[in-house]
Amino acid sequence: MLERSYCLVTEIEDRKQEDFYVEEALRACGYPKRTFNKVRRQIESKRDKKTKKQRDSSQRPMVVISHVENVSETVARIIKNHNVPVAMKPYKTLKSVLVHPKDKQKKEDLTECVYKVHCANCDKTYIGETGRTFGLRLQEHRTEMESKTGRTFTKSLRASSLTEHNKSTLTDHATQESHVINWSQATVIDREPERFTRRIKEATHTRNGRTTGHEP
């Protein structure tokens, strides 16, 4: 009942009158006056501590620093001299050192992606997309290219190869320009599970860069 009085009554005189009514009611029920005074002191003490804590926290926000041996203690003392509360957190924990909940996925195992392949002889790149693993799609490019570039060309075959169109414009670029592809620098540049949206992203990346073209 006293808590209710402190929470609902705002004027001091009204609160005193409410406390008087509470005290009279309890006395009529057989409660001694000392019980009433004890509860009132407890409530006032609790409210004073809460008010002081709110005032201190609003004036000086706490600073949290990482604990580094022989460094953090010195920094904390300097900050506390300006009446700013300081808390320390561990720089390393057993969890951060020992626990690795998920292994990093290799780029060759990534699926549903847009990828980029660089030419080693010029600044052109190839942009492609695949719903399968990136490593498998890259191997298909290499297999097709090796089947074309590994052939022995006569003069007439070399001339006809310049007008030949392969499955991939990456192979066209390598065979027609006699360039080498930098497979080690091939990388995934975007991820998208929906095929139609993935092709839009592929076209967007192709338009924004200097490319050899992309698959139809």
N, C-alpha and C. Protein backbone atom coordinates (compact mmCIF):
# COMPACT_ATOMS: atom_id res chain seq x y z
N MET A 1 0.83 -1.21 0.00
CA MET A 1 0.00 0.00 0.00
C MET A 1 0.86 1.26 0.00
N LEU A 2 2.00 1.20 0.68
CA LEU A 2 2.90 2.36 0.65
C LEU A 2 3.53 2.53 -0.72
N GLU A 3 3.90 1.42 -1.37
CA GLU A 3 4.44 1.46 -2.73
C GLU A 3 3.42 2.12 -3.66
N ARG A 4 2.17 1.76 -3.52
CA ARG A 4 1.10 2.35 -4.34
C ARG A 4 1.02 3.85 -4.10
N SER A 5 1.16 4.26 -2.83
CA SER A 5 1.11 5.68 -2.50
C SER A 5 2.25 6.45 -3.17
N TYR A 6 3.47 5.89 -3.13
CA TYR A 6 4.63 6.56 -3.73
C TYR A 6 4.54 6.61 -5.25
N CYS A 7 3.89 5.61 -5.85
CA CYS A 7 3.81 5.55 -7.31
C CYS A 7 2.71 6.43 -7.87
N LEU A 8 1.59 6.55 -7.16
CA LEU A 8 0.42 7.22 -7.72
C LEU A 8 0.24 8.66 -7.23
N VAL A 9 0.67 8.96 -6.02
CA VAL A 9 0.46 10.30 -5.46
C VAL A 9 1.70 11.15 -5.71
N THR A 10 1.52 12.30 -6.35
CA THR A 10 2.65 13.14 -6.73
C THR A 10 2.90 14.29 -5.75
N GLU A 11 1.85 14.84 -5.16
CA GLU A 11 2.00 15.97 -4.23
C GLU A 11 2.42 15.46 -2.86
N ILE A 12 3.37 16.18 -2.22
CA ILE A 12 3.91 15.75 -0.93
C ILE A 12 2.83 15.72 0.15
N GLU A 13 2.00 16.78 0.23
CA GLU A 13 0.96 16.84 1.26
C GLU A 13 -0.06 15.71 1.07
N ASP A 14 -0.42 15.46 -0.18
CA ASP A 14 -1.36 14.38 -0.45
C ASP A 14 -0.77 13.03 -0.07
N ARG A 15 0.54 12.86 -0.31
CA ARG A 15 1.19 11.60 0.03
C ARG A 15 1.22 11.38 1.55
N LYS A 16 1.49 12.48 2.30
CA LYS A 16 1.48 12.38 3.76
C LYS A 16 0.10 11.97 4.27
N GLN A 17 -0.93 12.53 3.68
CA GLN A 17 -2.30 12.20 4.09
C GLN A 17 -2.62 10.73 3.76
N GLU A 18 -2.15 10.28 2.58
CA GLU A 18 -2.38 8.89 2.19
C GLU A 18 -1.64 7.93 3.13
N ASP A 19 -0.41 8.31 3.51
CA ASP A 19 0.36 7.49 4.46
C ASP A 19 -0.34 7.41 5.81
N PHE A 20 -0.94 8.49 6.22
CA PHE A 20 -1.67 8.52 7.49
C PHE A 20 -2.85 7.56 7.46
N TYR A 21 -3.59 7.56 6.34
CA TYR A 21 -4.71 6.64 6.20
C TYR A 21 -4.25 5.19 6.25
N VAL A 22 -3.12 4.90 5.57
CA VAL A 22 -2.58 3.54 5.57
C VAL A 22 -2.17 3.13 6.98
N GLU A 23 -1.48 4.03 7.67
CA GLU A 23 -1.04 3.73 9.03
C GLU A 23 -2.23 3.47 9.96
N GLU A 24 -3.26 4.29 9.86
CA GLU A 24 -4.44 4.11 10.71
C GLU A 24 -5.14 2.78 10.42
N ALA A 25 -5.20 2.42 9.11
CA ALA A 25 -5.84 1.16 8.75
C ALA A 25 -5.08 -0.03 9.29
N LEU A 26 -3.74 0.01 9.22
CA LEU A 26 -2.92 -1.09 9.72
C LEU A 26 -2.98 -1.18 11.25
N ARG A 27 -3.02 -0.03 11.90
CA ARG A 27 -3.10 -0.03 13.35
C ARG A 27 -4.42 -0.63 13.82
N ALA A 28 -5.49 -0.34 13.06
CA ALA A 28 -6.79 -0.91 13.41
C ALA A 28 -6.80 -2.42 13.25
N CYS A 29 -5.90 -2.92 12.38
CA CYS A 29 -5.80 -4.38 12.16
C CYS A 29 -4.81 -5.03 13.11
N GLY A 30 -4.20 -4.24 14.01
CA GLY A 30 -3.32 -4.81 15.02
C GLY A 30 -1.84 -4.72 14.70
N TYR A 31 -1.44 -4.04 13.60
CA TYR A 31 -0.03 -3.90 13.28
C TYR A 31 0.61 -2.83 14.16
N PRO A 32 1.83 -3.07 14.71
CA PRO A 32 2.48 -2.04 15.54
C PRO A 32 3.06 -0.92 14.66
N LYS A 33 3.28 0.23 15.27
CA LYS A 33 3.77 1.40 14.53
C LYS A 33 5.17 1.15 13.99
N ARG A 34 6.00 0.39 14.74
CA ARG A 34 7.38 0.15 14.29
C ARG A 34 7.43 -0.61 12.96
N THR A 35 6.45 -1.47 12.72
CA THR A 35 6.40 -2.19 11.45
C THR A 35 6.16 -1.24 10.29
N PHE A 36 5.25 -0.31 10.52
CA PHE A 36 4.96 0.69 9.49
C PHE A 36 6.20 1.54 9.19
N ASN A 37 6.89 2.00 10.24
CA ASN A 37 8.08 2.85 10.07
C ASN A 37 9.22 2.08 9.39
N LYS A 38 9.36 0.79 9.71
CA LYS A 38 10.43 -0.02 9.10
C LYS A 38 10.21 -0.15 7.60
N VAL A 39 8.97 -0.45 7.18
CA VAL A 39 8.67 -0.61 5.76
C VAL A 39 8.86 0.71 5.03
N ARG A 40 8.46 1.81 5.67
CA ARG A 40 8.62 3.12 5.02
C ARG A 40 10.09 3.45 4.80
N ARG A 41 10.95 3.13 5.80
CA ARG A 41 12.39 3.38 5.64
C ARG A 41 12.98 2.53 4.51
N GLN A 42 12.54 1.29 4.40
CA GLN A 42 13.03 0.41 3.34
C GLN A 42 12.65 0.94 1.96
N ILE A 43 11.42 1.41 1.84
CA ILE A 43 10.96 1.94 0.54
C ILE A 43 11.73 3.20 0.18
N GLU A 44 11.91 4.10 1.14
CA GLU A 44 12.62 5.35 0.87
C GLU A 44 14.09 5.10 0.53
N SER A 45 14.71 4.13 1.23
CA SER A 45 16.11 3.79 0.95
C SER A 45 16.25 3.21 -0.46
N LYS A 46 15.33 2.35 -0.85
CA LYS A 46 15.37 1.76 -2.17
C LYS A 46 15.18 2.79 -3.27
N ARG A 47 14.26 3.73 -3.03
CA ARG A 47 14.01 4.78 -4.02
C ARG A 47 15.20 5.73 -4.15
N ASP A 48 15.87 6.01 -3.00
CA ASP A 48 17.05 6.90 -3.03
C ASP A 48 18.19 6.26 -3.81
N LYS A 49 18.41 4.96 -3.62
CA LYS A 49 19.48 4.26 -4.35
C LYS A 49 19.20 4.24 -5.84
N LYS A 50 17.95 4.01 -6.20
CA LYS A 50 17.57 3.97 -7.61
C LYS A 50 17.76 5.33 -8.27
N THR A 51 17.37 6.39 -7.55
CA THR A 51 17.52 7.75 -8.07
C THR A 51 18.99 8.11 -8.25
N LYS A 52 19.83 7.74 -7.27
CA LYS A 52 21.26 8.04 -7.35
C LYS A 52 21.91 7.28 -8.51
N LYS A 53 21.52 6.02 -8.69
CA LYS A 53 22.08 5.22 -9.77
C LYS A 53 21.71 5.79 -11.13
N GLN A 54 20.46 6.21 -11.29
CA GLN A 54 20.02 6.82 -12.55
C GLN A 54 20.76 8.11 -12.82
N ARG A 55 20.97 8.92 -11.77
CA ARG A 55 21.67 10.19 -11.93
C ARG A 55 23.12 9.98 -12.32
N ASP A 56 23.78 9.01 -11.68
CA ASP A 56 25.19 8.74 -11.99
C ASP A 56 25.34 8.18 -13.41
N SER A 57 24.44 7.27 -13.80
CA SER A 57 24.54 6.65 -15.12
C SER A 57 24.26 7.65 -16.23
N SER A 58 23.36 8.60 -15.97
CA SER A 58 23.05 9.60 -16.99
C SER A 58 24.17 10.61 -17.17
N GLN A 59 24.93 10.85 -16.10
CA GLN A 59 26.02 11.83 -16.17
C GLN A 59 27.29 11.21 -16.76
N ARG A 60 27.60 10.00 -16.39
CA ARG A 60 28.84 9.36 -16.81
C ARG A 60 28.58 7.97 -17.38
N PRO A 61 28.45 7.85 -18.68
CA PRO A 61 28.26 6.52 -19.26
C PRO A 61 29.49 5.65 -19.07
N MET A 62 29.27 4.36 -18.94
CA MET A 62 30.37 3.44 -18.69
C MET A 62 31.21 3.21 -19.95
N VAL A 63 32.52 3.11 -19.77
CA VAL A 63 33.44 2.83 -20.86
C VAL A 63 33.91 1.39 -20.73
N VAL A 64 33.80 0.61 -21.80
CA VAL A 64 34.23 -0.80 -21.80
C VAL A 64 35.49 -0.92 -22.65
N ILE A 65 36.57 -1.45 -22.06
CA ILE A 65 37.82 -1.61 -22.78
C ILE A 65 38.26 -3.07 -22.71
N SER A 66 39.02 -3.49 -23.70
CA SER A 66 39.56 -4.86 -23.72
C SER A 66 40.71 -4.97 -22.73
N HIS A 67 40.78 -6.09 -22.05
CA HIS A 67 41.82 -6.27 -21.05
C HIS A 67 43.12 -6.74 -21.70
N VAL A 68 44.13 -5.91 -21.59
CA VAL A 68 45.49 -6.24 -22.04
C VAL A 68 46.41 -6.05 -20.85
N GLU A 69 47.13 -7.09 -20.52
CA GLU A 69 47.96 -7.08 -19.32
C GLU A 69 48.95 -5.92 -19.34
N ASN A 70 49.05 -5.24 -18.18
CA ASN A 70 49.96 -4.11 -17.96
C ASN A 70 49.61 -2.86 -18.76
N VAL A 71 48.50 -2.90 -19.46
CA VAL A 71 48.06 -1.73 -20.23
C VAL A 71 46.68 -1.27 -19.78
N SER A 72 45.73 -2.20 -19.72
CA SER A 72 44.35 -1.85 -19.39
C SER A 72 44.23 -1.23 -18.01
N GLU A 73 44.99 -1.74 -17.03
CA GLU A 73 44.90 -1.20 -15.67
C GLU A 73 45.31 0.27 -15.62
N THR A 74 46.36 0.60 -16.36
CA THR A 74 46.82 2.00 -16.38
C THR A 74 45.79 2.90 -17.03
N VAL A 75 45.24 2.44 -18.16
CA VAL A 75 44.22 3.22 -18.86
C VAL A 75 42.98 3.39 -17.98
N ALA A 76 42.59 2.34 -17.26
CA ALA A 76 41.42 2.40 -16.40
C ALA A 76 41.60 3.42 -15.28
N ARG A 77 42.80 3.47 -14.69
CA ARG A 77 43.06 4.43 -13.62
C ARG A 77 42.94 5.87 -14.12
N ILE A 78 43.44 6.11 -15.32
CA ILE A 78 43.37 7.47 -15.88
C ILE A 78 41.92 7.87 -16.12
N ILE A 79 41.13 6.94 -16.66
CA ILE A 79 39.73 7.25 -16.95
C ILE A 79 38.94 7.46 -15.66
N LYS A 80 39.21 6.62 -14.63
CA LYS A 80 38.50 6.75 -13.36
C LYS A 80 38.81 8.07 -12.66
N ASN A 81 39.99 8.63 -12.91
CA ASN A 81 40.33 9.93 -12.32
C ASN A 81 39.40 11.03 -12.79
N HIS A 82 38.72 10.79 -13.91
CA HIS A 82 37.75 11.76 -14.45
C HIS A 82 36.31 11.35 -14.11
N ASN A 83 36.19 10.47 -13.08
CA ASN A 83 34.88 10.02 -12.58
C ASN A 83 34.05 9.33 -13.67
N VAL A 84 34.73 8.59 -14.52
CA VAL A 84 34.04 7.81 -15.56
C VAL A 84 34.16 6.34 -15.19
N PRO A 85 33.03 5.62 -15.03
CA PRO A 85 33.09 4.20 -14.70
C PRO A 85 33.70 3.39 -15.84
N VAL A 86 34.50 2.39 -15.49
CA VAL A 86 35.21 1.57 -16.47
C VAL A 86 34.92 0.10 -16.22
N ALA A 87 34.67 -0.63 -17.29
CA ALA A 87 34.52 -2.08 -17.21
C ALA A 87 35.47 -2.70 -18.23
N MET A 88 35.97 -3.89 -17.91
CA MET A 88 36.90 -4.57 -18.81
C MET A 88 36.30 -5.86 -19.33
N LYS A 89 36.61 -6.18 -20.57
CA LYS A 89 36.19 -7.44 -21.16
C LYS A 89 37.44 -8.17 -21.64
N PRO A 90 37.41 -9.50 -21.64
CA PRO A 90 38.60 -10.26 -22.05
C PRO A 90 38.92 -10.05 -23.52
N TYR A 91 40.22 -9.92 -23.81
CA TYR A 91 40.66 -9.75 -25.20
C TYR A 91 40.47 -11.04 -25.99
N LYS A 92 40.77 -12.16 -25.35
CA LYS A 92 40.56 -13.47 -25.96
C LYS A 92 39.86 -14.37 -24.96
N THR A 93 38.96 -15.19 -25.46
CA THR A 93 38.28 -16.17 -24.62
C THR A 93 38.55 -17.57 -25.17
N LEU A 94 38.29 -18.57 -24.33
CA LEU A 94 38.46 -19.95 -24.78
C LEU A 94 37.54 -20.25 -25.97
N LYS A 95 36.36 -19.64 -25.95
CA LYS A 95 35.42 -19.87 -27.04
C LYS A 95 35.95 -19.34 -28.36
N SER A 96 36.53 -18.13 -28.32
CA SER A 96 37.03 -17.54 -29.56
C SER A 96 38.25 -18.28 -30.09
N VAL A 97 39.02 -18.91 -29.19
CA VAL A 97 40.24 -19.61 -29.60
C VAL A 97 39.97 -21.04 -30.04
N LEU A 98 39.08 -21.73 -29.31
CA LEU A 98 38.89 -23.16 -29.53
C LEU A 98 37.68 -23.51 -30.37
N VAL A 99 36.63 -22.70 -30.29
CA VAL A 99 35.37 -23.08 -30.93
C VAL A 99 35.24 -22.43 -32.30
N HIS A 100 35.06 -23.23 -33.30
CA HIS A 100 34.80 -22.77 -34.66
C HIS A 100 33.56 -23.50 -35.16
N PRO A 101 32.39 -22.94 -34.89
CA PRO A 101 31.15 -23.67 -35.17
C PRO A 101 30.93 -24.02 -36.63
N LYS A 102 31.52 -23.24 -37.54
CA LYS A 102 31.27 -23.50 -38.95
C LYS A 102 32.55 -23.26 -39.75
N ASP A 103 33.00 -24.29 -40.46
CA ASP A 103 34.19 -24.15 -41.29
C ASP A 103 33.90 -23.24 -42.48
N LYS A 104 34.91 -22.49 -42.88
CA LYS A 104 34.76 -21.61 -44.02
C LYS A 104 34.63 -22.44 -45.30
N GLN A 105 33.63 -22.11 -46.09
CA GLN A 105 33.36 -22.88 -47.31
C GLN A 105 34.33 -22.47 -48.42
N LYS A 106 34.89 -23.46 -49.09
CA LYS A 106 35.80 -23.18 -50.19
C LYS A 106 35.02 -22.58 -51.36
N LYS A 107 35.69 -21.72 -52.13
CA LYS A 107 34.99 -21.07 -53.23
C LYS A 107 34.56 -22.07 -54.30
N GLU A 108 35.33 -23.17 -54.44
CA GLU A 108 34.97 -24.18 -55.43
C GLU A 108 33.66 -24.89 -55.09
N ASP A 109 33.27 -24.85 -53.81
CA ASP A 109 32.05 -25.54 -53.38
C ASP A 109 30.82 -24.63 -53.38
N LEU A 110 31.00 -23.36 -53.70
CA LEU A 110 29.87 -22.43 -53.71
C LEU A 110 28.94 -22.73 -54.89
N THR A 111 27.66 -22.63 -54.65
CA THR A 111 26.66 -22.87 -55.70
C THR A 111 25.82 -21.62 -55.90
N GLU A 112 25.01 -21.63 -56.99
CA GLU A 112 24.08 -20.54 -57.29
C GLU A 112 24.80 -19.19 -57.23
N CYS A 113 25.77 -19.04 -58.12
CA CYS A 113 26.64 -17.87 -58.04
C CYS A 113 26.90 -17.25 -59.41
N VAL A 114 27.38 -16.01 -59.37
CA VAL A 114 27.91 -15.32 -60.54
C VAL A 114 29.42 -15.24 -60.33
N TYR A 115 30.20 -15.57 -61.38
CA TYR A 115 31.64 -15.66 -61.20
C TYR A 115 32.38 -14.87 -62.27
N LYS A 116 33.67 -14.63 -61.99
CA LYS A 116 34.52 -13.86 -62.91
C LYS A 116 35.82 -14.61 -63.14
N VAL A 117 36.23 -14.68 -64.42
CA VAL A 117 37.49 -15.33 -64.80
C VAL A 117 38.34 -14.32 -65.54
N HIS A 118 39.62 -14.19 -65.17
CA HIS A 118 40.51 -13.19 -65.74
C HIS A 118 41.39 -13.77 -66.85
N CYS A 119 41.69 -12.95 -67.83
CA CYS A 119 42.67 -13.31 -68.86
C CYS A 119 44.05 -12.90 -68.37
N ALA A 120 45.04 -13.78 -68.57
CA ALA A 120 46.40 -13.50 -68.09
C ALA A 120 47.17 -12.58 -69.04
N ASN A 121 46.68 -12.39 -70.27
CA ASN A 121 47.42 -11.60 -71.26
C ASN A 121 46.83 -10.22 -71.52
N CYS A 122 45.60 -9.99 -71.06
CA CYS A 122 44.98 -8.67 -71.25
C CYS A 122 44.06 -8.38 -70.07
N ASP A 123 43.43 -7.21 -70.10
CA ASP A 123 42.62 -6.81 -68.96
C ASP A 123 41.17 -7.26 -69.07
N LYS A 124 40.84 -8.09 -70.04
CA LYS A 124 39.47 -8.54 -70.19
C LYS A 124 39.14 -9.66 -69.18
N THR A 125 37.87 -9.74 -68.81
CA THR A 125 37.40 -10.78 -67.90
C THR A 125 36.16 -11.43 -68.49
N TYR A 126 35.86 -12.61 -67.98
CA TYR A 126 34.66 -13.33 -68.40
C TYR A 126 33.71 -13.42 -67.21
N ILE A 127 32.45 -13.08 -67.42
CA ILE A 127 31.43 -13.16 -66.39
C ILE A 127 30.46 -14.29 -66.74
N GLY A 128 30.22 -15.18 -65.81
CA GLY A 128 29.29 -16.28 -66.05
C GLY A 128 28.46 -16.55 -64.80
N GLU A 129 27.48 -17.43 -64.94
CA GLU A 129 26.65 -17.81 -63.81
C GLU A 129 26.37 -19.30 -63.85
N THR A 130 26.14 -19.87 -62.69
CA THR A 130 25.84 -21.30 -62.62
C THR A 130 25.03 -21.59 -61.37
N GLY A 131 24.17 -22.61 -61.47
CA GLY A 131 23.44 -23.06 -60.30
C GLY A 131 24.14 -24.20 -59.60
N ARG A 132 25.13 -24.79 -60.30
CA ARG A 132 25.92 -25.88 -59.72
C ARG A 132 27.12 -25.30 -58.98
N THR A 133 28.04 -26.17 -58.59
CA THR A 133 29.21 -25.68 -57.86
C THR A 133 30.13 -24.90 -58.80
N PHE A 134 30.77 -23.88 -58.25
CA PHE A 134 31.68 -23.04 -59.02
C PHE A 134 32.85 -23.86 -59.56
N GLY A 135 33.36 -24.80 -58.75
CA GLY A 135 34.49 -25.62 -59.18
C GLY A 135 34.15 -26.49 -60.38
N LEU A 136 32.94 -27.06 -60.39
CA LEU A 136 32.52 -27.90 -61.50
C LEU A 136 32.38 -27.08 -62.78
N ARG A 137 31.78 -25.90 -62.68
CA ARG A 137 31.61 -25.05 -63.88
C ARG A 137 32.96 -24.59 -64.41
N LEU A 138 33.90 -24.31 -63.53
CA LEU A 138 35.23 -23.88 -63.95
C LEU A 138 35.95 -25.01 -64.67
N GLN A 139 35.77 -26.23 -64.18
CA GLN A 139 36.40 -27.39 -64.80
C GLN A 139 35.83 -27.63 -66.20
N GLU A 140 34.54 -27.38 -66.39
CA GLU A 140 33.94 -27.50 -67.72
C GLU A 140 34.56 -26.50 -68.69
N HIS A 141 34.79 -25.27 -68.22
CA HIS A 141 35.47 -24.27 -69.06
C HIS A 141 36.85 -24.77 -69.47
N ARG A 142 37.59 -25.28 -68.51
CA ARG A 142 38.96 -25.72 -68.79
C ARG A 142 38.98 -26.90 -69.76
N THR A 143 38.05 -27.83 -69.56
CA THR A 143 37.99 -29.00 -70.44
C THR A 143 37.70 -28.59 -71.87
N GLU A 144 36.73 -27.69 -72.05
CA GLU A 144 36.41 -27.22 -73.40
C GLU A 144 37.59 -26.49 -74.02
N MET A 145 38.24 -25.65 -73.23
CA MET A 145 39.34 -24.86 -73.77
C MET A 145 40.53 -25.73 -74.14
N GLU A 146 40.84 -26.72 -73.29
CA GLU A 146 41.96 -27.59 -73.59
C GLU A 146 41.72 -28.44 -74.83
N SER A 147 40.45 -28.78 -75.08
CA SER A 147 40.14 -29.55 -76.28
C SER A 147 40.33 -28.73 -77.55
N LYS A 148 40.22 -27.42 -77.42
CA LYS A 148 40.39 -26.53 -78.58
C LYS A 148 41.84 -26.09 -78.75
N THR A 149 42.45 -25.65 -77.65
CA THR A 149 43.81 -25.12 -77.74
C THR A 149 44.86 -26.21 -77.88
N GLY A 150 44.49 -27.47 -77.55
CA GLY A 150 45.46 -28.56 -77.65
C GLY A 150 45.58 -29.14 -79.04
N ARG A 151 44.75 -28.68 -79.97
CA ARG A 151 44.80 -29.20 -81.34
C ARG A 151 45.99 -28.64 -82.12
N THR A 152 46.46 -29.39 -83.09
CA THR A 152 47.50 -28.91 -84.00
C THR A 152 46.81 -28.27 -85.20
N PHE A 153 47.08 -26.97 -85.42
CA PHE A 153 46.40 -26.22 -86.47
C PHE A 153 47.25 -26.13 -87.72
N THR A 154 46.62 -26.36 -88.85
CA THR A 154 47.22 -25.98 -90.13
C THR A 154 46.83 -24.53 -90.39
N LYS A 155 47.35 -23.96 -91.46
CA LYS A 155 47.06 -22.57 -91.75
C LYS A 155 45.57 -22.37 -92.01
N SER A 156 44.94 -23.30 -92.71
CA SER A 156 43.52 -23.17 -93.02
C SER A 156 42.66 -23.38 -91.78
N LEU A 157 43.07 -24.34 -90.92
CA LEU A 157 42.31 -24.57 -89.69
C LEU A 157 42.41 -23.38 -88.74
N ARG A 158 43.60 -22.73 -88.71
CA ARG A 158 43.76 -21.55 -87.88
C ARG A 158 42.84 -20.44 -88.35
N ALA A 159 42.72 -20.27 -89.65
CA ALA A 159 41.85 -19.22 -90.19
C ALA A 159 40.39 -19.51 -89.87
N SER A 160 39.99 -20.78 -89.98
CA SER A 160 38.59 -21.11 -89.70
C SER A 160 38.27 -21.02 -88.22
N SER A 161 39.26 -21.23 -87.35
CA SER A 161 39.02 -21.16 -85.91
C SER A 161 38.71 -19.74 -85.46
N LEU A 162 39.17 -18.76 -86.24
CA LEU A 162 38.92 -17.37 -85.88
C LEU A 162 37.46 -17.00 -86.01
N THR A 163 36.73 -17.73 -86.83
CA THR A 163 35.30 -17.47 -87.02
C THR A 163 34.43 -18.50 -86.30
N GLU A 164 35.08 -19.45 -85.64
CA GLU A 164 34.34 -20.51 -84.95
C GLU A 164 33.83 -20.00 -83.61
N HIS A 165 32.60 -20.34 -83.28
CA HIS A 165 32.03 -19.94 -82.00
C HIS A 165 31.83 -21.18 -81.14
N ASN A 166 32.42 -21.16 -79.98
CA ASN A 166 32.33 -22.28 -79.05
C ASN A 166 31.16 -22.07 -78.08
N LYS A 167 30.99 -23.01 -77.17
CA LYS A 167 29.92 -22.90 -76.18
C LYS A 167 30.10 -21.68 -75.29
N SER A 168 31.33 -21.32 -75.04
CA SER A 168 31.64 -20.22 -74.14
C SER A 168 32.48 -19.17 -74.86
N THR A 169 32.16 -17.89 -74.63
CA THR A 169 32.98 -16.81 -75.21
C THR A 169 34.36 -16.77 -74.56
N LEU A 170 34.50 -17.40 -73.42
CA LEU A 170 35.82 -17.51 -72.79
C LEU A 170 36.74 -18.34 -73.66
N THR A 171 36.22 -19.45 -74.18
CA THR A 171 37.00 -20.29 -75.09
C THR A 171 37.27 -19.56 -76.40
N ASP A 172 36.29 -18.82 -76.90
CA ASP A 172 36.48 -18.03 -78.12
C ASP A 172 37.64 -17.06 -77.95
N HIS A 173 37.66 -16.37 -76.83
CA HIS A 173 38.71 -15.37 -76.58
C HIS A 173 40.08 -16.03 -76.53
N ALA A 174 40.19 -17.16 -75.84
CA ALA A 174 41.49 -17.83 -75.69
C ALA A 174 42.00 -18.37 -77.02
N THR A 175 41.11 -18.95 -77.84
CA THR A 175 41.54 -19.55 -79.10
C THR A 175 41.80 -18.50 -80.18
N GLN A 176 40.95 -17.49 -80.26
CA GLN A 176 41.08 -16.48 -81.31
C GLN A 176 42.23 -15.50 -81.03
N GLU A 177 42.49 -15.22 -79.75
CA GLU A 177 43.55 -14.28 -79.40
C GLU A 177 44.84 -14.97 -78.97
N SER A 178 44.81 -16.30 -78.87
CA SER A 178 45.96 -17.08 -78.39
C SER A 178 46.41 -16.61 -77.01
N HIS A 179 45.42 -16.35 -76.16
CA HIS A 179 45.70 -15.89 -74.80
C HIS A 179 45.56 -17.03 -73.80
N VAL A 180 46.16 -16.83 -72.63
CA VAL A 180 46.11 -17.80 -71.54
C VAL A 180 45.15 -17.29 -70.48
N ILE A 181 44.34 -18.18 -69.95
CA ILE A 181 43.37 -17.80 -68.92
C ILE A 181 43.99 -18.01 -67.53
N ASN A 182 43.78 -17.03 -66.66
CA ASN A 182 44.31 -17.09 -65.30
C ASN A 182 43.29 -17.80 -64.39
N TRP A 183 43.34 -19.11 -64.37
CA TRP A 183 42.35 -19.88 -63.61
C TRP A 183 42.45 -19.66 -62.12
N SER A 184 43.66 -19.45 -61.62
CA SER A 184 43.84 -19.32 -60.16
C SER A 184 43.18 -18.08 -59.60
N GLN A 185 42.97 -17.06 -60.44
CA GLN A 185 42.34 -15.83 -59.97
C GLN A 185 40.83 -15.80 -60.19
N ALA A 186 40.28 -16.88 -60.72
CA ALA A 186 38.82 -16.94 -60.91
C ALA A 186 38.13 -16.86 -59.55
N THR A 187 37.06 -16.10 -59.47
CA THR A 187 36.42 -15.87 -58.18
C THR A 187 34.92 -15.69 -58.31
N VAL A 188 34.21 -15.93 -57.22
CA VAL A 188 32.76 -15.71 -57.14
C VAL A 188 32.52 -14.25 -56.75
N ILE A 189 31.70 -13.55 -57.52
CA ILE A 189 31.46 -12.12 -57.24
C ILE A 189 30.04 -11.85 -56.77
N ASP A 190 29.14 -12.84 -56.84
CA ASP A 190 27.77 -12.60 -56.39
C ASP A 190 27.10 -13.95 -56.13
N ARG A 191 26.06 -13.94 -55.28
CA ARG A 191 25.29 -15.15 -54.98
C ARG A 191 23.80 -14.85 -55.16
N GLU A 192 23.09 -15.79 -55.77
CA GLU A 192 21.65 -15.62 -55.98
C GLU A 192 21.01 -16.98 -56.25
N PRO A 193 20.07 -17.44 -55.40
CA PRO A 193 19.47 -18.75 -55.61
C PRO A 193 18.46 -18.80 -56.77
N GLU A 194 17.81 -17.68 -57.07
CA GLU A 194 16.78 -17.66 -58.12
C GLU A 194 17.45 -17.45 -59.48
N ARG A 195 17.22 -18.35 -60.43
CA ARG A 195 17.98 -18.36 -61.68
C ARG A 195 17.76 -17.09 -62.52
N PHE A 196 16.51 -16.66 -62.64
CA PHE A 196 16.23 -15.49 -63.47
C PHE A 196 16.93 -14.26 -62.91
N THR A 197 16.84 -14.09 -61.59
CA THR A 197 17.52 -12.95 -60.95
C THR A 197 19.02 -13.08 -61.07
N ARG A 198 19.53 -14.31 -60.99
CA ARG A 198 20.97 -14.53 -61.11
C ARG A 198 21.47 -14.13 -62.49
N ARG A 199 20.68 -14.38 -63.53
CA ARG A 199 21.07 -13.99 -64.88
C ARG A 199 21.04 -12.47 -65.05
N ILE A 200 20.11 -11.82 -64.37
CA ILE A 200 20.09 -10.35 -64.40
C ILE A 200 21.35 -9.80 -63.75
N LYS A 201 21.76 -10.39 -62.64
CA LYS A 201 22.99 -9.96 -61.98
C LYS A 201 24.21 -10.22 -62.86
N GLU A 202 24.20 -11.33 -63.55
CA GLU A 202 25.29 -11.65 -64.48
C GLU A 202 25.39 -10.58 -65.56
N ALA A 203 24.24 -10.20 -66.14
CA ALA A 203 24.24 -9.17 -67.19
C ALA A 203 24.68 -7.82 -66.65
N THR A 204 24.30 -7.53 -65.41
CA THR A 204 24.69 -6.25 -64.79
C THR A 204 26.19 -6.18 -64.59
N HIS A 205 26.79 -7.25 -64.08
CA HIS A 205 28.24 -7.28 -63.88
C HIS A 205 28.97 -7.24 -65.22
N THR A 206 28.40 -7.87 -66.23
CA THR A 206 29.02 -7.86 -67.56
C THR A 206 29.03 -6.45 -68.13
N ARG A 207 27.94 -5.74 -67.99
CA ARG A 207 27.85 -4.38 -68.51
C ARG A 207 28.79 -3.43 -67.77
N ASN A 208 29.00 -3.65 -66.47
CA ASN A 208 29.82 -2.74 -65.68
C ASN A 208 31.32 -2.97 -65.84
N GLY A 209 31.74 -4.07 -66.47
CA GLY A 209 33.17 -4.36 -66.59
C GLY A 209 33.59 -4.56 -68.03
N ARG A 210 34.91 -4.63 -68.22
CA ARG A 210 35.49 -4.90 -69.55
C ARG A 210 35.57 -6.40 -69.69
N THR A 211 34.64 -6.98 -70.44
CA THR A 211 34.52 -8.43 -70.48
C THR A 211 34.72 -8.98 -71.89
N THR A 212 34.85 -10.32 -71.91
CA THR A 212 34.93 -11.02 -73.19
C THR A 212 33.54 -11.40 -73.69
N GLY A 213 32.52 -11.11 -72.84
CA GLY A 213 31.14 -11.46 -73.16
C GLY A 213 30.63 -12.46 -72.14
N HIS A 214 29.41 -12.95 -72.33
CA HIS A 214 28.86 -13.95 -71.42
C HIS A 214 28.01 -14.91 -72.22
N GLU A 215 27.64 -16.01 -71.58
CA GLU A 215 26.90 -17.05 -72.25
C GLU A 215 25.50 -16.56 -72.62
N PRO A 216 24.96 -16.94 -73.78
CA PRO A 216 23.63 -16.53 -74.15
C PRO A 216 22.59 -17.22 -73.28
